[in-house]
Amino acid sequence: MKLNYGVVFLVIAAFITIFTAFAHLSCIYFGPECFSSQMAPSVIVESAKEGTLLAPLGTVFVSTIFIILGCYALSAADVVRKLPLLKLGIYSIAFLCIIRGVLPLQLWLRQPDKVSELVLYVGLVWLLTGLLYFFGFRAMGKIKV
């Protein structure tokens, strides 16, 4: 049986996005320090400190988006049923992930003192994730034709 690298790429992309959702959700349990270490906006960190609903509701909302992104990757890999607007969704997700990855990278190349190592590594992970979505979906398209 031949290994389809499109499926592998998309499953890895799904794992990254779903893992990201659970990492975000962990902040609700671990508290303000977790929000801070994950570079949440200061208003979210303050909400977590004060015990208001903004931090947990915002976290659930963002995590839901990441889970949906993972579902799109799994759908494109034929692991789950086909989701609506799959082609548009995958290409949009890939584009946004690549942009999210390139932004800190280009800043680091121009002004390295303004980008921490963590921000650079997170950017590289999102760049890789966007490329996995893009090339994984392209590989799946060649198989279906």
Protein backbone atom coordinates (compact mmCIF):
# COMPACT_ATOMS: atom_id res chain seq x y z
CA MET A 1 0.00 0.00 0.00
CA LYS A 2 1.40 3.37 -1.03
CA LEU A 3 1.55 6.07 1.62
CA ASN A 4 -0.35 9.21 0.61
CA TYR A 5 1.65 12.17 1.88
CA GLY A 6 -1.38 14.44 1.38
CA VAL A 7 -3.23 12.54 4.11
CA VAL A 8 -0.15 12.62 6.35
CA PHE A 9 0.31 16.39 5.87
CA LEU A 10 -3.35 17.12 6.58
CA VAL A 11 -3.49 14.89 9.66
CA ILE A 12 -0.38 16.59 11.05
CA ALA A 13 -1.99 19.99 10.36
CA ALA A 14 -5.16 18.83 12.12
CA PHE A 15 -3.12 17.63 15.10
CA ILE A 16 -1.35 21.01 15.38
CA THR A 17 -4.58 23.02 15.25
CA ILE A 18 -6.48 20.73 17.64
CA PHE A 19 -3.51 20.65 20.03
CA THR A 20 -3.53 24.47 19.90
CA ALA A 21 -7.20 24.46 20.89
CA PHE A 22 -6.50 22.29 23.93
CA ALA A 23 -3.46 24.39 24.85
CA HIS A 24 -5.70 27.47 24.84
CA LEU A 25 -8.37 25.69 26.86
CA SER A 26 -5.79 24.72 29.48
CA CYS A 27 -5.56 28.40 30.40
CA ILE A 28 -9.05 28.24 31.88
CA TYR A 29 -7.84 25.58 34.31
CA PHE A 30 -4.34 26.93 35.00
CA GLY A 31 -5.34 30.57 35.33
CA PRO A 32 -3.87 34.00 34.60
CA GLU A 33 -0.24 32.82 34.47
CA CYS A 34 -1.12 30.42 31.66
CA PHE A 35 -2.89 33.17 29.71
CA SER A 36 0.17 35.37 30.19
CA SER A 37 2.64 32.67 29.15
CA GLN A 38 0.62 32.04 26.01
CA MET A 39 0.87 35.76 25.18
CA ALA A 40 -2.83 36.51 25.54
CA PRO A 41 -3.78 40.17 25.22
CA SER A 42 -3.55 42.08 28.51
CA VAL A 43 -7.34 42.51 28.67
CA ILE A 44 -7.71 38.71 28.67
CA VAL A 45 -5.04 38.27 31.35
CA GLU A 46 -6.77 40.93 33.48
CA SER A 47 -10.12 39.20 32.96
CA ALA A 48 -8.60 35.93 34.18
CA LYS A 49 -7.17 37.70 37.25
CA GLU A 50 -10.48 39.38 38.04
CA GLY A 51 -12.54 36.26 37.38
CA THR A 52 -14.77 37.84 34.73
CA LEU A 53 -16.24 35.85 31.86
CA LEU A 54 -14.27 37.48 29.05
CA ALA A 55 -11.22 35.21 29.42
CA PRO A 56 -12.99 31.84 29.56
CA LEU A 57 -15.62 32.70 26.94
CA GLY A 58 -13.01 34.18 24.60
CA THR A 59 -10.84 31.11 25.10
CA VAL A 60 -13.70 28.74 24.31
CA PHE A 61 -14.54 30.78 21.21
CA VAL A 62 -10.95 30.79 19.92
CA SER A 63 -10.50 27.11 20.75
CA THR A 64 -13.68 26.28 18.84
CA ILE A 65 -12.24 28.01 15.79
CA PHE A 66 -9.05 25.94 16.06
CA ILE A 67 -11.08 22.73 16.35
CA ILE A 68 -13.05 23.69 13.24
CA LEU A 69 -9.75 24.29 11.40
CA GLY A 70 -8.63 20.81 12.45
CA CYS A 71 -11.92 19.35 11.23
CA TYR A 72 -11.35 20.96 7.82
CA ALA A 73 -7.93 19.31 7.59
CA LEU A 74 -9.43 15.94 8.57
CA SER A 75 -12.21 16.44 6.04
CA ALA A 76 -9.74 17.21 3.28
CA ALA A 77 -7.82 14.04 4.26
CA ASP A 78 -11.05 12.02 3.91
CA VAL A 79 -10.93 11.07 7.59
CA VAL A 80 -14.31 12.71 8.29
CA ARG A 81 -17.17 13.60 5.96
CA LYS A 82 -16.77 16.42 3.48
CA LEU A 83 -17.39 19.81 5.07
CA PRO A 84 -19.04 22.70 3.21
CA LEU A 85 -16.82 24.99 1.15
CA LEU A 86 -13.89 22.63 1.71
CA LYS A 87 -11.65 23.99 -1.04
CA LEU A 88 -12.23 27.63 -0.07
CA GLY A 89 -11.84 26.75 3.60
CA ILE A 90 -8.56 24.87 3.19
CA TYR A 91 -6.98 27.51 0.97
CA SER A 92 -8.14 30.30 3.32
CA ILE A 93 -6.78 28.45 6.35
CA ALA A 94 -3.49 27.78 4.56
CA PHE A 95 -3.19 31.43 3.52
CA LEU A 96 -3.90 32.74 7.04
CA CYS A 97 -1.50 30.27 8.67
CA ILE A 98 1.25 31.18 6.20
CA ILE A 99 0.71 34.90 6.81
CA ARG A 100 0.69 34.24 10.59
CA GLY A 101 4.01 32.46 10.17
CA VAL A 102 5.66 34.95 7.84
CA LEU A 103 4.88 38.06 9.91
CA PRO A 104 7.21 37.31 12.86
CA LEU A 105 9.78 35.82 10.50
CA GLN A 106 10.05 38.94 8.38
CA LEU A 107 10.19 41.12 11.49
CA TRP A 108 12.94 38.91 12.93
CA LEU A 109 14.92 39.25 9.68
CA ARG A 110 14.59 43.04 9.73
CA GLN A 111 14.75 43.74 13.48
CA PRO A 112 15.76 40.61 15.43
CA ASP A 113 15.75 42.44 18.77
CA LYS A 114 11.97 42.95 18.53
CA VAL A 115 11.10 39.24 18.23
CA SER A 116 11.53 36.78 21.07
CA GLU A 117 12.60 33.22 20.37
CA LEU A 118 9.17 31.94 21.41
CA VAL A 119 7.38 34.25 18.98
CA LEU A 120 9.76 33.22 16.21
CA TYR A 121 9.21 29.49 16.90
CA VAL A 122 5.45 29.89 17.07
CA GLY A 123 5.55 31.74 13.76
CA LEU A 124 7.59 28.96 12.18
CA VAL A 125 5.09 26.36 13.42
CA TRP A 126 2.21 28.30 11.84
CA LEU A 127 4.16 28.72 8.61
CA LEU A 128 4.74 24.96 8.54
CA THR A 129 1.07 24.34 9.36
CA GLY A 130 -0.09 26.54 6.49
CA LEU A 131 2.24 24.73 4.10
CA LEU A 132 0.92 21.38 5.36
CA TYR A 133 -2.66 22.49 4.66
CA PHE A 134 -1.76 23.78 1.21
CA PHE A 135 0.44 20.95 -0.04
CA GLY A 136 -1.61 18.27 1.69
CA PHE A 137 -4.78 19.46 -0.02
CA ARG A 138 -3.03 19.75 -3.37
CA ALA A 139 -1.80 16.17 -3.03
CA MET A 140 -5.32 14.98 -2.21
CA GLY A 141 -6.66 16.74 -5.30
CA LYS A 142 -4.25 14.86 -7.54
CA ILE A 143 -5.46 11.54 -6.16
CA LYS A 144 -9.16 12.30 -6.65
CA VAL A 145 -8.75 13.38 -10.29
